[in-house]
Amino acid sequence: MKQGSVKIVDRLSAVEAIKRLGEEDLRFLNRLIVERLNLISQARSTSLMAAFGIGDTVSFHANDGRKIRGIVRRLNKKTVSVYTEDGHRWNVAPALLHLEKSAEVGMDF
């Protein structure tokens, strides 16, 4: 188990407790859960984005299966802006990118 994580010892008890909650309490619990999931997702994205720098050569696969290669031009809040040799700009989730060359030896286009 990861540091800082909490394990529900008895999931059945948790399920039973949730079944007894009213609508207002369920909506409140839902908001807490959604906020926590968003925070976890943002932390994961930030961590993955740290692997890339402006000028790095990266690749990813487009929806049609083509391998796209380009240069990192900007690190956005949730995505990485990648510019290709043919002038196209792609905003790609960092989890989908593969580092090919760091900025020190990257190509320039």
PDB file of N, CA and C in Angstrom:
ATOM      1  N   MET A   1       0.849  -1.181   0.000  1.00  0.00           N
ATOM      2  CA  MET A   1       0.000   0.000   0.000  1.00  0.00           C
ATOM      3  C   MET A   1       0.892   1.242   0.000  1.00  0.00           C
ATOM      4  N   LYS A   2       0.493   2.264  -0.748  1.00  0.00           N
ATOM      5  CA  LYS A   2       1.268   3.498  -0.841  1.00  0.00           C
ATOM      6  C   LYS A   2       1.224   4.272   0.468  1.00  0.00           C
ATOM      7  N   GLN A   3       2.292   5.044   0.686  1.00  0.00           N
ATOM      8  CA  GLN A   3       2.340   5.917   1.856  1.00  0.00           C
ATOM      9  C   GLN A   3       1.219   6.947   1.760  1.00  0.00           C
ATOM     10  N   GLY A   4       0.533   7.169   2.877  1.00  0.00           N
ATOM     11  CA  GLY A   4      -0.541   8.149   2.908  1.00  0.00           C
ATOM     12  C   GLY A   4      -1.878   7.610   2.459  1.00  0.00           C
ATOM     13  N   SER A   5      -1.916   6.352   2.014  1.00  0.00           N
ATOM     14  CA  SER A   5      -3.197   5.808   1.584  1.00  0.00           C
ATOM     15  C   SER A   5      -3.930   5.198   2.777  1.00  0.00           C
ATOM     16  N   VAL A   6      -5.223   5.130   2.657  1.00  0.00           N
ATOM     17  CA  VAL A   6      -6.063   4.590   3.710  1.00  0.00           C
ATOM     18  C   VAL A   6      -6.819   3.411   3.138  1.00  0.00           C
ATOM     19  N   LYS A   7      -6.879   2.327   3.893  1.00  0.00           N
ATOM     20  CA  LYS A   7      -7.603   1.155   3.439  1.00  0.00           C
ATOM     21  C   LYS A   7      -8.866   1.010   4.275  1.00  0.00           C
ATOM     22  N   ILE A   8      -9.979   0.821   3.603  1.00  0.00           N
ATOM     23  CA  ILE A   8     -11.221   0.554   4.315  1.00  0.00           C
ATOM     24  C   ILE A   8     -11.147  -0.895   4.779  1.00  0.00           C
ATOM     25  N   VAL A   9     -11.105  -1.083   6.092  1.00  0.00           N
ATOM     26  CA  VAL A   9     -10.915  -2.417   6.660  1.00  0.00           C
ATOM     27  C   VAL A   9     -12.094  -3.319   6.332  1.00  0.00           C
ATOM     28  N   ASP A  10     -13.276  -2.799   6.453  1.00  0.00           N
ATOM     29  CA  ASP A  10     -14.466  -3.602   6.234  1.00  0.00           C
ATOM     30  C   ASP A  10     -15.347  -2.901   5.200  1.00  0.00           C
ATOM     31  N   ARG A  11     -15.192  -3.278   3.948  1.00  0.00           N
ATOM     32  CA  ARG A  11     -15.942  -2.634   2.875  1.00  0.00           C
ATOM     33  C   ARG A  11     -17.441  -2.845   3.025  1.00  0.00           C
ATOM     34  N   LEU A  12     -17.815  -3.981   3.548  1.00  0.00           N
ATOM     35  CA  LEU A  12     -19.231  -4.258   3.735  1.00  0.00           C
ATOM     36  C   LEU A  12     -19.864  -3.248   4.688  1.00  0.00           C
ATOM     37  N   SER A  13     -19.140  -2.894   5.750  1.00  0.00           N
ATOM     38  CA  SER A  13     -19.647  -1.886   6.690  1.00  0.00           C
ATOM     39  C   SER A  13     -19.766  -0.528   6.012  1.00  0.00           C
ATOM     40  N   ALA A  14     -18.808  -0.199   5.154  1.00  0.00           N
ATOM     41  CA  ALA A  14     -18.855   1.067   4.432  1.00  0.00           C
ATOM     42  C   ALA A  14     -20.070   1.098   3.504  1.00  0.00           C
ATOM     43  N   VAL A  15     -20.325  -0.010   2.820  1.00  0.00           N
ATOM     44  CA  VAL A  15     -21.477  -0.096   1.917  1.00  0.00           C
ATOM     45  C   VAL A  15     -22.768   0.079   2.702  1.00  0.00           C
ATOM     46  N   GLU A  16     -22.859  -0.578   3.823  1.00  0.00           N
ATOM     47  CA  GLU A  16     -24.063  -0.476   4.651  1.00  0.00           C
ATOM     48  C   GLU A  16     -24.261   0.951   5.171  1.00  0.00           C
ATOM     49  N   ALA A  17     -23.176   1.614   5.546  1.00  0.00           N
ATOM     50  CA  ALA A  17     -23.272   2.996   6.026  1.00  0.00           C
ATOM     51  C   ALA A  17     -23.753   3.916   4.908  1.00  0.00           C
ATOM     52  N   ILE A  18     -23.254   3.714   3.717  1.00  0.00           N
ATOM     53  CA  ILE A  18     -23.659   4.532   2.573  1.00  0.00           C
ATOM     54  C   ILE A  18     -25.130   4.314   2.250  1.00  0.00           C
ATOM     55  N   LYS A  19     -25.599   3.082   2.377  1.00  0.00           N
ATOM     56  CA  LYS A  19     -27.015   2.781   2.110  1.00  0.00           C
ATOM     57  C   LYS A  19     -27.944   3.532   3.064  1.00  0.00           C
ATOM     58  N   ARG A  20     -27.452   3.884   4.243  1.00  0.00           N
ATOM     59  CA  ARG A  20     -28.288   4.575   5.232  1.00  0.00           C
ATOM     60  C   ARG A  20     -28.233   6.100   5.101  1.00  0.00           C
ATOM     61  N   LEU A  21     -27.361   6.609   4.239  1.00  0.00           N
ATOM     62  CA  LEU A  21     -27.262   8.064   4.077  1.00  0.00           C
ATOM     63  C   LEU A  21     -28.437   8.620   3.291  1.00  0.00           C
ATOM     64  N   GLY A  22     -28.822   9.835   3.609  1.00  0.00           N
ATOM     65  CA  GLY A  22     -29.867  10.531   2.870  1.00  0.00           C
ATOM     66  C   GLY A  22     -29.297  11.203   1.634  1.00  0.00           C
ATOM     67  N   GLU A  23     -30.182  11.785   0.846  1.00  0.00           N
ATOM     68  CA  GLU A  23     -29.771  12.403  -0.413  1.00  0.00           C
ATOM     69  C   GLU A  23     -28.754  13.518  -0.210  1.00  0.00           C
ATOM     70  N   GLU A  24     -28.988  14.388   0.750  1.00  0.00           N
ATOM     71  CA  GLU A  24     -28.069  15.513   0.987  1.00  0.00           C
ATOM     72  C   GLU A  24     -26.674  15.013   1.367  1.00  0.00           C
ATOM     73  N   ASP A  25     -26.616  14.020   2.251  1.00  0.00           N
ATOM     74  CA  ASP A  25     -25.317  13.466   2.655  1.00  0.00           C
ATOM     75  C   ASP A  25     -24.633  12.739   1.505  1.00  0.00           C
ATOM     76  N   LEU A  26     -25.414  12.051   0.673  1.00  0.00           N
ATOM     77  CA  LEU A  26     -24.837  11.359  -0.485  1.00  0.00           C
ATOM     78  C   LEU A  26     -24.262  12.357  -1.488  1.00  0.00           C
ATOM     79  N   ARG A  27     -24.957  13.461  -1.707  1.00  0.00           N
ATOM     80  CA  ARG A  27     -24.435  14.483  -2.624  1.00  0.00           C
ATOM     81  C   ARG A  27     -23.143  15.104  -2.080  1.00  0.00           C
ATOM     82  N   PHE A  28     -23.105  15.336  -0.772  1.00  0.00           N
ATOM     83  CA  PHE A  28     -21.905  15.864  -0.131  1.00  0.00           C
ATOM     84  C   PHE A  28     -20.745  14.878  -0.288  1.00  0.00           C
ATOM     85  N   LEU A  29     -20.995  13.605  -0.017  1.00  0.00           N
ATOM     86  CA  LEU A  29     -19.966  12.571  -0.162  1.00  0.00           C
ATOM     87  C   LEU A  29     -19.497  12.470  -1.608  1.00  0.00           C
ATOM     88  N   ASN A  30     -20.430  12.576  -2.537  1.00  0.00           N
ATOM     89  CA  ASN A  30     -20.090  12.536  -3.955  1.00  0.00           C
ATOM     90  C   ASN A  30     -19.146  13.681  -4.321  1.00  0.00           C
ATOM     91  N   ARG A  31     -19.450  14.897  -3.854  1.00  0.00           N
ATOM     92  CA  ARG A  31     -18.573  16.048  -4.139  1.00  0.00           C
ATOM     93  C   ARG A  31     -17.171  15.806  -3.594  1.00  0.00           C
ATOM     94  N   LEU A  32     -17.078  15.259  -2.376  1.00  0.00           N
ATOM     95  CA  LEU A  32     -15.762  14.969  -1.788  1.00  0.00           C
ATOM     96  C   LEU A  32     -14.995  13.953  -2.627  1.00  0.00           C
ATOM     97  N   ILE A  33     -15.678  12.922  -3.068  1.00  0.00           N
ATOM     98  CA  ILE A  33     -15.032  11.869  -3.859  1.00  0.00           C
ATOM     99  C   ILE A  33     -14.568  12.416  -5.204  1.00  0.00           C
ATOM    100  N   VAL A  34     -15.412  13.191  -5.869  1.00  0.00           N
ATOM    101  CA  VAL A  34     -15.042  13.764  -7.170  1.00  0.00           C
ATOM    102  C   VAL A  34     -13.849  14.706  -7.028  1.00  0.00           C
ATOM    103  N   GLU A  35     -13.854  15.546  -5.996  1.00  0.00           N
ATOM    104  CA  GLU A  35     -12.724  16.450  -5.762  1.00  0.00           C
ATOM    105  C   GLU A  35     -11.443  15.663  -5.536  1.00  0.00           C
ATOM    106  N   ARG A  36     -11.517  14.593  -4.758  1.00  0.00           N
ATOM    107  CA  ARG A  36     -10.335  13.774  -4.470  1.00  0.00           C
ATOM    108  C   ARG A  36      -9.825  13.086  -5.733  1.00  0.00           C
ATOM    109  N   LEU A  37     -10.728  12.558  -6.543  1.00  0.00           N
ATOM    110  CA  LEU A  37     -10.318  11.912  -7.795  1.00  0.00           C
ATOM    111  C   LEU A  37      -9.676  12.914  -8.750  1.00  0.00           C
ATOM    112  N   ASN A  38     -10.223  14.120  -8.823  1.00  0.00           N
ATOM    113  CA  ASN A  38      -9.629  15.162  -9.676  1.00  0.00           C
ATOM    114  C   ASN A  38      -8.239  15.538  -9.193  1.00  0.00           C
ATOM    115  N   LEU A  39      -8.052  15.634  -7.886  1.00  0.00           N
ATOM    116  CA  LEU A  39      -6.745  15.953  -7.319  1.00  0.00           C
ATOM    117  C   LEU A  39      -5.728  14.864  -7.647  1.00  0.00           C
ATOM    118  N   ILE A  40      -6.125  13.616  -7.515  1.00  0.00           N
ATOM    119  CA  ILE A  40      -5.236  12.496  -7.833  1.00  0.00           C
ATOM    120  C   ILE A  40      -4.860  12.525  -9.310  1.00  0.00           C
ATOM    121  N   SER A  41      -5.841  12.773 -10.174  1.00  0.00           N
ATOM    122  CA  SER A  41      -5.591  12.832 -11.616  1.00  0.00           C
ATOM    123  C   SER A  41      -4.638  13.971 -11.968  1.00  0.00           C
ATOM    124  N   GLN A  42      -4.839  15.128 -11.361  1.00  0.00           N
ATOM    125  CA  GLN A  42      -3.971  16.277 -11.624  1.00  0.00           C
ATOM    126  C   GLN A  42      -2.552  16.009 -11.154  1.00  0.00           C
ATOM    127  N   ALA A  43      -2.401  15.374 -10.004  1.00  0.00           N
ATOM    128  CA  ALA A  43      -1.066  15.049  -9.490  1.00  0.00           C
ATOM    129  C   ALA A  43      -0.361  14.069 -10.419  1.00  0.00           C
ATOM    130  N   ARG A  44      -1.098  13.088 -10.935  1.00  0.00           N
ATOM    131  CA  ARG A  44      -0.517  12.111 -11.855  1.00  0.00           C
ATOM    132  C   ARG A  44      -0.073  12.795 -13.139  1.00  0.00           C
ATOM    133  N   SER A  45      -0.908  13.681 -13.673  1.00  0.00           N
ATOM    134  CA  SER A  45      -0.587  14.399 -14.904  1.00  0.00           C
ATOM    135  C   SER A  45       0.638  15.288 -14.713  1.00  0.00           C
ATOM    136  N   THR A  46       0.701  15.987 -13.582  1.00  0.00           N
ATOM    137  CA  THR A  46       1.849  16.852 -13.281  1.00  0.00           C
ATOM    138  C   THR A  46       3.121  16.030 -13.191  1.00  0.00           C
ATOM    139  N   SER A  47       3.035  14.881 -12.557  1.00  0.00           N
ATOM    140  CA  SER A  47       4.195  14.002 -12.422  1.00  0.00           C
ATOM    141  C   SER A  47       4.677  13.510 -13.782  1.00  0.00           C
ATOM    142  N   LEU A  48       3.748  13.092 -14.634  1.00  0.00           N
ATOM    143  CA  LEU A  48       4.115  12.621 -15.971  1.00  0.00           C
ATOM    144  C   LEU A  48       4.689  13.753 -16.818  1.00  0.00           C
ATOM    145  N   MET A  49       4.137  14.960 -16.670  1.00  0.00           N
ATOM    146  CA  MET A  49       4.588  16.094 -17.461  1.00  0.00           C
ATOM    147  C   MET A  49       6.020  16.503 -17.104  1.00  0.00           C
ATOM    148  N   ALA A  50       6.440  16.221 -15.884  1.00  0.00           N
ATOM    149  CA  ALA A  50       7.791  16.585 -15.442  1.00  0.00           C
ATOM    150  C   ALA A  50       8.866  15.867 -16.248  1.00  0.00           C
ATOM    151  N   ALA A  51       8.500  14.799 -16.933  1.00  0.00           N
ATOM    152  CA  ALA A  51       9.461  14.045 -17.736  1.00  0.00           C
ATOM    153  C   ALA A  51       9.813  14.754 -19.041  1.00  0.00           C
ATOM    154  N   PHE A  52       9.053  15.777 -19.402  1.00  0.00           N
ATOM    155  CA  PHE A  52       9.248  16.454 -20.682  1.00  0.00           C
ATOM    156  C   PHE A  52       9.670  17.899 -20.494  1.00  0.00           C
ATOM    157  N   GLY A  53      10.445  18.381 -21.440  1.00  0.00           N
ATOM    158  CA  GLY A  53      10.875  19.769 -21.428  1.00  0.00           C
ATOM    159  C   GLY A  53      10.691  20.377 -22.801  1.00  0.00           C
ATOM    160  N   ILE A  54      10.641  21.688 -22.849  1.00  0.00           N
ATOM    161  CA  ILE A  54      10.490  22.380 -24.125  1.00  0.00           C
ATOM    162  C   ILE A  54      11.700  22.062 -24.999  1.00  0.00           C
ATOM    163  N   GLY A  55      11.421  21.679 -26.228  1.00  0.00           N
ATOM    164  CA  GLY A  55      12.475  21.320 -27.168  1.00  0.00           C
ATOM    165  C   GLY A  55      12.717  19.827 -27.286  1.00  0.00           C
ATOM    166  N   ASP A  56      12.139  19.042 -26.395  1.00  0.00           N
ATOM    167  CA  ASP A  56      12.290  17.582 -26.473  1.00  0.00           C
ATOM    168  C   ASP A  56      11.599  17.043 -27.717  1.00  0.00           C
ATOM    169  N   THR A  57      12.173  16.010 -28.298  1.00  0.00           N
ATOM    170  CA  THR A  57      11.530  15.303 -29.393  1.00  0.00           C
ATOM    171  C   THR A  57      10.716  14.161 -28.785  1.00  0.00           C
ATOM    172  N   VAL A  58       9.435  14.133 -29.133  1.00  0.00           N
ATOM    173  CA  VAL A  58       8.530  13.127 -28.585  1.00  0.00           C
ATOM    174  C   VAL A  58       7.746  12.469 -29.712  1.00  0.00           C
ATOM    175  N   SER A  59       7.104  11.355 -29.381  1.00  0.00           N
ATOM    176  CA  SER A  59       6.228  10.699 -30.342  1.00  0.00           C
ATOM    177  C   SER A  59       4.990  10.199 -29.610  1.00  0.00           C
ATOM    178  N   PHE A  60       3.944   9.978 -30.393  1.00  0.00           N
ATOM    179  CA  PHE A  60       2.700   9.411 -29.877  1.00  0.00           C
ATOM    180  C   PHE A  60       1.950   8.820 -31.055  1.00  0.00           C
ATOM    181  N   HIS A  61       0.944   8.028 -30.766  1.00  0.00           N
ATOM    182  CA  HIS A  61       0.141   7.425 -31.828  1.00  0.00           C
ATOM    183  C   HIS A  61      -1.187   8.170 -31.940  1.00  0.00           C
ATOM    184  N   ALA A  62      -1.521   8.603 -33.154  1.00  0.00           N
ATOM    185  CA  ALA A  62      -2.787   9.279 -33.421  1.00  0.00           C
ATOM    186  C   ALA A  62      -3.921   8.260 -33.387  1.00  0.00           C
ATOM    187  N   ASN A  63      -5.149   8.754 -33.393  1.00  0.00           N
ATOM    188  CA  ASN A  63      -6.318   7.868 -33.349  1.00  0.00           C
ATOM    189  C   ASN A  63      -6.360   6.870 -34.495  1.00  0.00           C
ATOM    190  N   ASP A  64      -5.811   7.254 -35.638  1.00  0.00           N
ATOM    191  CA  ASP A  64      -5.820   6.354 -36.798  1.00  0.00           C
ATOM    192  C   ASP A  64      -4.639   5.387 -36.813  1.00  0.00           C
ATOM    193  N   GLY A  65      -3.817   5.404 -35.748  1.00  0.00           N
ATOM    194  CA  GLY A  65      -2.707   4.462 -35.632  1.00  0.00           C
ATOM    195  C   GLY A  65      -1.367   4.988 -36.118  1.00  0.00           C
ATOM    196  N   ARG A  66      -1.374   6.140 -36.798  1.00  0.00           N
ATOM    197  CA  ARG A  66      -0.109   6.705 -37.279  1.00  0.00           C
ATOM    198  C   ARG A  66       0.759   7.116 -36.107  1.00  0.00           C
ATOM    199  N   LYS A  67       2.076   6.930 -36.256  1.00  0.00           N
ATOM    200  CA  LYS A  67       3.013   7.424 -35.255  1.00  0.00           C
ATOM    201  C   LYS A  67       3.367   8.861 -35.627  1.00  0.00           C
ATOM    202  N   ILE A  68       3.104   9.769 -34.701  1.00  0.00           N
ATOM    203  CA  ILE A  68       3.379  11.189 -34.911  1.00  0.00           C
ATOM    204  C   ILE A  68       4.618  11.554 -34.104  1.00  0.00           C
ATOM    205  N   ARG A  69       5.509  12.285 -34.737  1.00  0.00           N
ATOM    206  CA  ARG A  69       6.747  12.718 -34.080  1.00  0.00           C
ATOM    207  C   ARG A  69       6.818  14.230 -34.148  1.00  0.00           C
ATOM    208  N   GLY A  70       7.239  14.855 -33.043  1.00  0.00           N
ATOM    209  CA  GLY A  70       7.336  16.302 -33.042  1.00  0.00           C
ATOM    210  C   GLY A  70       8.156  16.824 -31.881  1.00  0.00           C
ATOM    211  N   ILE A  71       8.126  18.137 -31.736  1.00  0.00           N
ATOM    212  CA  ILE A  71       8.912  18.837 -30.721  1.00  0.00           C
ATOM    213  C   ILE A  71       7.965  19.444 -29.687  1.00  0.00           C
ATOM    214  N   VAL A  72       8.309  19.301 -28.419  1.00  0.00           N
ATOM    215  CA  VAL A  72       7.536  19.922 -27.349  1.00  0.00           C
ATOM    216  C   VAL A  72       7.777  21.426 -27.403  1.00  0.00           C
ATOM    217  N   ARG A  73       6.705  22.185 -27.537  1.00  0.00           N
ATOM    218  CA  ARG A  73       6.817  23.645 -27.584  1.00  0.00           C
ATOM    219  C   ARG A  73       6.240  24.312 -26.346  1.00  0.00           C
ATOM    220  N   ARG A  74       5.316  23.617 -25.653  1.00  0.00           N
ATOM    221  CA  ARG A  74       4.696  24.221 -24.476  1.00  0.00           C
ATOM    222  C   ARG A  74       4.145  23.144 -23.555  1.00  0.00           C
ATOM    223  N   LEU A  75       4.296  23.365 -22.261  1.00  0.00           N
ATOM    224  CA  LEU A  75       3.702  22.497 -21.257  1.00  0.00           C
ATOM    225  C   LEU A  75       2.490  23.227 -20.702  1.00  0.00           C
ATOM    226  N   ASN A  76       1.309  22.752 -21.048  1.00  0.00           N
ATOM    227  CA  ASN A  76       0.062  23.366 -20.615  1.00  0.00           C
ATOM    228  C   ASN A  76      -0.349  22.797 -19.261  1.00  0.00           C
ATOM    229  N   LYS A  77      -1.509  23.185 -18.793  1.00  0.00           N
ATOM    230  CA  LYS A  77      -1.982  22.700 -17.496  1.00  0.00           C
ATOM    231  C   LYS A  77      -2.226  21.189 -17.514  1.00  0.00           C
ATOM    232  N   LYS A  78      -2.870  20.681 -18.574  1.00  0.00           N
ATOM    233  CA  LYS A  78      -3.203  19.262 -18.637  1.00  0.00           C
ATOM    234  C   LYS A  78      -2.581  18.537 -19.819  1.00  0.00           C
ATOM    235  N   THR A  79      -2.081  19.286 -20.788  1.00  0.00           N
ATOM    236  CA  THR A  79      -1.549  18.672 -22.005  1.00  0.00           C
ATOM    237  C   THR A  79      -0.187  19.252 -22.359  1.00  0.00           C
ATOM    238  N   VAL A  80       0.438  18.626 -23.340  1.00  0.00           N
ATOM    239  CA  VAL A  80       1.712  19.089 -23.880  1.00  0.00           C
ATOM    240  C   VAL A  80       1.466  19.483 -25.330  1.00  0.00           C
ATOM    241  N   SER A  81       1.873  20.696 -25.717  1.00  0.00           N
ATOM    242  CA  SER A  81       1.739  21.129 -27.108  1.00  0.00           C
ATOM    243  C   SER A  81       2.935  20.616 -27.895  1.00  0.00           C
ATOM    244  N   VAL A  82       2.629  19.835 -28.927  1.00  0.00           N
ATOM    245  CA  VAL A  82       3.660  19.224 -29.764  1.00  0.00           C
ATOM    246  C   VAL A  82       3.490  19.755 -31.179  1.00  0.00           C
ATOM    247  N   TYR A  83       4.580  20.259 -31.758  1.00  0.00           N
ATOM    248  CA  TYR A  83       4.566  20.760 -33.126  1.00  0.00           C
ATOM    249  C   TYR A  83       5.304  19.761 -34.011  1.00  0.00           C
ATOM    250  N   THR A  84       4.682  19.426 -35.139  1.00  0.00           N
ATOM    251  CA  THR A  84       5.275  18.467 -36.064  1.00  0.00           C
ATOM    252  C   THR A  84       6.010  19.190 -37.181  1.00  0.00           C
ATOM    253  N   GLU A  85       6.804  18.433 -37.895  1.00  0.00           N
ATOM    254  CA  GLU A  85       7.606  18.996 -38.978  1.00  0.00           C
ATOM    255  C   GLU A  85       6.734  19.612 -40.076  1.00  0.00           C
ATOM    256  N   ASP A  86       5.519  19.062 -40.267  1.00  0.00           N
ATOM    257  CA  ASP A  86       4.630  19.590 -41.314  1.00  0.00           C
ATOM    258  C   ASP A  86       3.795  20.778 -40.836  1.00  0.00           C
ATOM    259  N   GLY A  87       4.096  21.305 -39.636  1.00  0.00           N
ATOM    260  CA  GLY A  87       3.461  22.519 -39.150  1.00  0.00           C
ATOM    261  C   GLY A  87       2.203  22.328 -38.319  1.00  0.00           C
ATOM    262  N   HIS A  88       1.815  21.105 -38.074  1.00  0.00           N
ATOM    263  CA  HIS A  88       0.628  20.866 -37.255  1.00  0.00           C
ATOM    264  C   HIS A  88       0.960  20.955 -35.770  1.00  0.00           C
ATOM    265  N   ARG A  89      -0.046  21.380 -34.998  1.00  0.00           N
ATOM    266  CA  ARG A  89       0.099  21.444 -33.545  1.00  0.00           C
ATOM    267  C   ARG A  89      -0.870  20.453 -32.927  1.00  0.00           C
ATOM    268  N   TRP A  90      -0.366  19.666 -31.988  1.00  0.00           N
ATOM    269  CA  TRP A  90      -1.181  18.698 -31.277  1.00  0.00           C
ATOM    270  C   TRP A  90      -1.092  18.991 -29.785  1.00  0.00           C
ATOM    271  N   ASN A  91      -2.218  18.940 -29.088  1.00  0.00           N
ATOM    272  CA  ASN A  91      -2.224  18.991 -27.628  1.00  0.00           C
ATOM    273  C   ASN A  91      -2.459  17.559 -27.152  1.00  0.00           C
ATOM    274  N   VAL A  92      -1.457  17.008 -26.485  1.00  0.00           N
ATOM    275  CA  VAL A  92      -1.460  15.585 -26.151  1.00  0.00           C
ATOM    276  C   VAL A  92      -1.320  15.403 -24.642  1.00  0.00           C
ATOM    277  N   ALA A  93      -2.076  14.469 -24.096  1.00  0.00           N
ATOM    278  CA  ALA A  93      -1.937  14.122 -22.685  1.00  0.00           C
ATOM    279  C   ALA A  93      -0.541  13.542 -22.469  1.00  0.00           C
ATOM    280  N   PRO A  94       0.153  13.930 -21.410  1.00  0.00           N
ATOM    281  CA  PRO A  94       1.524  13.459 -21.199  1.00  0.00           C
ATOM    282  C   PRO A  94       1.643  11.940 -21.085  1.00  0.00           C
ATOM    283  N   ALA A  95       0.583  11.272 -20.656  1.00  0.00           N
ATOM    284  CA  ALA A  95       0.623   9.806 -20.534  1.00  0.00           C
ATOM    285  C   ALA A  95       0.743   9.120 -21.896  1.00  0.00           C
ATOM    286  N   LEU A  96       0.389   9.820 -22.978  1.00  0.00           N
ATOM    287  CA  LEU A  96       0.429   9.239 -24.321  1.00  0.00           C
ATOM    288  C   LEU A  96       1.740   9.506 -25.050  1.00  0.00           C
ATOM    289  N   LEU A  97       2.598  10.338 -24.474  1.00  0.00           N
ATOM    290  CA  LEU A  97       3.851  10.716 -25.134  1.00  0.00           C
ATOM    291  C   LEU A  97       5.002   9.796 -24.765  1.00  0.00           C
ATOM    292  N   HIS A  98       5.905   9.637 -25.726  1.00  0.00           N
ATOM    293  CA  HIS A  98       7.148   8.892 -25.505  1.00  0.00           C
ATOM    294  C   HIS A  98       8.316   9.802 -25.848  1.00  0.00           C
ATOM    295  N   LEU A  99       9.252   9.956 -24.930  1.00  0.00           N
ATOM    296  CA  LEU A  99      10.429  10.794 -25.167  1.00  0.00           C
ATOM    297  C   LEU A  99      11.361  10.077 -26.116  1.00  0.00           C
ATOM    298  N   GLU A 100      11.734  10.750 -27.192  1.00  0.00           N
ATOM    299  CA  GLU A 100      12.683  10.172 -28.146  1.00  0.00           C
ATOM    300  C   GLU A 100      14.065  10.771 -27.970  1.00  0.00           C
ATOM    301  N   LYS A 101      14.130  12.105 -27.831  1.00  0.00           N
ATOM    302  CA  LYS A 101      15.412  12.788 -27.620  1.00  0.00           C
ATOM    303  C   LYS A 101      15.172  13.972 -26.703  1.00  0.00           C
ATOM    304  N   SER A 102      16.082  14.175 -25.767  1.00  0.00           N
ATOM    305  CA  SER A 102      15.957  15.354 -24.901  1.00  0.00           C
ATOM    306  C   SER A 102      16.337  16.594 -25.695  1.00  0.00           C
ATOM    307  N   ALA A 103      16.036  17.747 -25.157  1.00  0.00           N
ATOM    308  CA  ALA A 103      16.213  19.020 -25.874  1.00  0.00           C
ATOM    309  C   ALA A 103      17.647  19.243 -26.316  1.00  0.00           C
ATOM    310  N   GLU A 104      18.626  18.703 -25.596  1.00  0.00           N
ATOM    311  CA  GLU A 104      20.029  18.929 -25.947  1.00  0.00           C
ATOM    312  C   GLU A 104      20.366  18.382 -27.327  1.00  0.00           C
ATOM    313  N   VAL A 105      19.699  17.294 -27.753  1.00  0.00           N
ATOM    314  CA  VAL A 105      19.990  16.694 -29.053  1.00  0.00           C
ATOM    315  C   VAL A 105      18.761  16.649 -29.946  1.00  0.00           C
ATOM    316  N   GLY A 106      17.712  17.374 -29.573  1.00  0.00           N
ATOM    317  CA  GLY A 106      16.468  17.361 -30.339  1.00  0.00           C
ATOM    318  C   GLY A 106      16.602  18.051 -31.684  1.00  0.00           C
ATOM    319  N   MET A 107      15.725  17.680 -32.611  1.00  0.00           N
ATOM    320  CA  MET A 107      15.728  18.347 -33.904  1.00  0.00           C
ATOM    321  C   MET A 107      14.992  19.658 -33.799  1.00  0.00           C
ATOM    322  N   ASP A 108      15.233  20.532 -34.702  1.00  0.00           N
ATOM    323  CA  ASP A 108      14.604  21.851 -34.665  1.00  0.00           C
ATOM    324  C   ASP A 108      13.829  22.067 -35.960  1.00  0.00           C
ATOM    325  N   PHE A 109      12.515  22.184 -35.847  1.00  0.00           N
ATOM    326  CA  PHE A 109      11.717  22.523 -37.030  1.00  0.00           C
ATOM    327  C   PHE A 109      10.646  23.446 -36.683  1.00  0.00           C
TER     328      PHE A 109
END
